[in-house]
Amino acid sequence: QVQVAESGGGLVQPGGSLRLSCVGSGSVSTIKNMGWHRQAPGKERELVATITNRDEINYADSVKGRFTISRDNARSTVYLQMSSLKPEDTAIYYCSAFTRIGTTYWGRGTQVTVSS
């Protein structure tokens, strides 16, 4: 079993920045990929960014050039640095951990609100 817990959400003005963190616990040695998804009101959950344990990274087109995902394997932590935030980035952001045996674990989410 793996648990993941997000932190770092909040209210920020358009053009501002936030950094989200996600810490894994439990059987962290089984984690292969970690990532971030988001879900806005009335919309489906969508991929934001993922990173493998070899630092292979994938971003959604909508965040390329503005968001940066990084990972500290020693601390089983993944970060999402968000810059140039837009109102359309407002959503609940969920951390995920994908294990070698094919199971995905999700956090409870952290709210990010971009508004003036």
Protein backbone atom coordinates (compact mmCIF):
# COMPACT_ATOMS: atom_id res chain seq x y z
CA GLN A 1 0.00 0.00 0.00
CA VAL A 2 1.07 3.52 -0.80
CA GLN A 3 -0.34 6.73 0.56
CA VAL A 4 0.20 10.18 -0.95
CA ALA A 5 -0.64 13.53 0.59
CA GLU A 6 -0.67 16.89 -1.13
CA SER A 7 0.00 20.33 0.31
CA GLY A 8 0.61 23.86 -0.92
CA GLY A 9 -2.65 24.89 -2.54
CA GLY A 10 -4.31 28.22 -1.97
CA LEU A 11 -5.55 31.45 -3.48
CA VAL A 12 -3.28 33.33 -5.86
CA GLN A 13 -3.74 36.24 -8.24
CA PRO A 14 -3.46 35.76 -12.01
CA GLY A 15 0.18 35.77 -13.01
CA GLY A 16 1.25 34.51 -9.61
CA SER A 17 3.02 31.34 -8.54
CA LEU A 18 2.43 28.42 -6.22
CA ARG A 19 4.35 25.28 -5.39
CA LEU A 20 2.54 22.06 -4.61
CA SER A 21 4.16 19.20 -2.75
CA CYS A 22 3.19 15.56 -2.47
CA VAL A 23 4.75 13.12 -0.04
CA GLY A 24 4.49 9.39 -0.47
CA SER A 25 4.49 6.93 2.39
CA GLY A 26 4.06 3.21 2.91
CA SER A 27 5.56 0.93 0.26
CA VAL A 28 7.33 3.79 -1.55
CA SER A 29 9.94 1.46 -3.04
CA THR A 30 7.21 0.17 -5.36
CA ILE A 31 6.48 3.60 -6.85
CA LYS A 32 7.42 3.94 -10.48
CA ASN A 33 5.77 7.16 -11.63
CA MET A 34 4.36 10.13 -9.75
CA GLY A 35 2.26 12.89 -11.12
CA TRP A 36 -0.34 15.59 -10.84
CA HIS A 37 -3.84 15.74 -12.22
CA ARG A 38 -6.51 18.37 -11.73
CA GLN A 39 -10.25 18.62 -11.81
CA ALA A 40 -12.13 21.86 -12.32
CA PRO A 41 -15.81 22.23 -11.39
CA GLY A 42 -18.01 20.52 -13.95
CA LYS A 43 -15.06 19.00 -15.78
CA GLU A 44 -13.33 15.64 -15.87
CA ARG A 45 -10.03 15.03 -14.14
CA GLU A 46 -7.14 15.76 -16.49
CA LEU A 47 -3.44 15.11 -16.56
CA VAL A 48 -1.17 18.00 -15.60
CA ALA A 49 2.28 16.41 -15.44
CA THR A 50 3.98 13.12 -14.68
CA ILE A 51 7.53 12.09 -13.86
CA THR A 52 9.07 8.63 -13.82
CA ASN A 53 11.73 7.35 -11.46
CA ARG A 54 14.16 7.99 -14.33
CA ASP A 55 13.05 11.66 -14.48
CA GLU A 56 11.20 11.24 -17.75
CA ILE A 57 8.62 14.03 -17.78
CA ASN A 58 5.34 14.61 -19.55
CA TYR A 59 3.25 17.80 -19.45
CA ALA A 60 -0.21 18.69 -20.64
CA ASP A 61 -0.01 21.19 -23.47
CA SER A 62 -1.98 23.70 -21.41
CA VAL A 63 0.77 23.97 -18.77
CA LYS A 64 3.94 23.58 -20.83
CA GLY A 65 6.35 26.43 -20.18
CA ARG A 66 4.50 27.50 -17.02
CA PHE A 67 4.57 24.45 -14.73
CA THR A 68 7.58 22.40 -13.66
CA ILE A 69 7.39 18.96 -12.08
CA SER A 70 10.28 17.58 -10.08
CA ARG A 71 10.91 14.63 -7.82
CA ASP A 72 13.02 13.85 -4.79
CA ASN A 73 13.23 10.08 -4.74
CA ALA A 74 15.09 10.01 -1.46
CA ARG A 75 12.11 11.72 0.19
CA SER A 76 9.42 10.07 -1.97
CA THR A 77 8.24 13.57 -2.81
CA VAL A 78 7.05 15.18 -6.01
CA TYR A 79 6.67 18.91 -6.53
CA LEU A 80 4.74 21.03 -8.97
CA GLN A 81 6.01 24.56 -9.41
CA MET A 82 3.28 26.60 -11.05
CA SER A 83 4.01 30.02 -12.53
CA SER A 84 2.10 32.51 -14.67
CA LEU A 85 -1.09 31.11 -13.24
CA LYS A 86 -4.35 31.75 -15.06
CA PRO A 87 -7.95 31.65 -13.83
CA GLU A 88 -8.44 28.51 -15.91
CA ASP A 89 -5.84 26.76 -13.74
CA THR A 90 -8.35 26.87 -10.89
CA ALA A 91 -9.04 23.28 -9.85
CA ILE A 92 -8.47 20.65 -7.24
CA TYR A 93 -5.01 19.25 -7.82
CA TYR A 94 -4.46 15.57 -7.10
CA CYS A 95 -1.19 13.76 -6.62
CA SER A 96 -0.83 10.23 -7.94
CA ALA A 97 1.63 7.41 -7.48
CA PHE A 98 1.79 4.56 -9.98
CA THR A 99 3.48 1.39 -8.78
CA ARG A 100 5.42 -1.34 -10.54
CA ILE A 101 2.52 -3.74 -10.08
CA GLY A 102 0.16 -1.41 -11.91
CA THR A 103 -1.77 0.17 -9.07
CA THR A 104 -2.44 3.90 -8.93
CA TYR A 105 -2.86 5.66 -5.60
CA TRP A 106 -4.42 9.09 -5.26
CA GLY A 107 -4.24 11.82 -2.70
CA ARG A 108 -7.26 13.73 -1.42
CA GLY A 109 -6.41 16.79 -3.44
CA THR A 110 -5.53 20.40 -2.73
CA GLN A 111 -7.51 23.39 -3.96
CA VAL A 112 -5.82 25.94 -6.20
CA THR A 113 -7.80 29.08 -6.91
CA VAL A 114 -6.53 31.73 -9.32
CA SER A 115 -8.53 34.92 -8.95
CA SER A 116 -8.10 38.63 -8.50
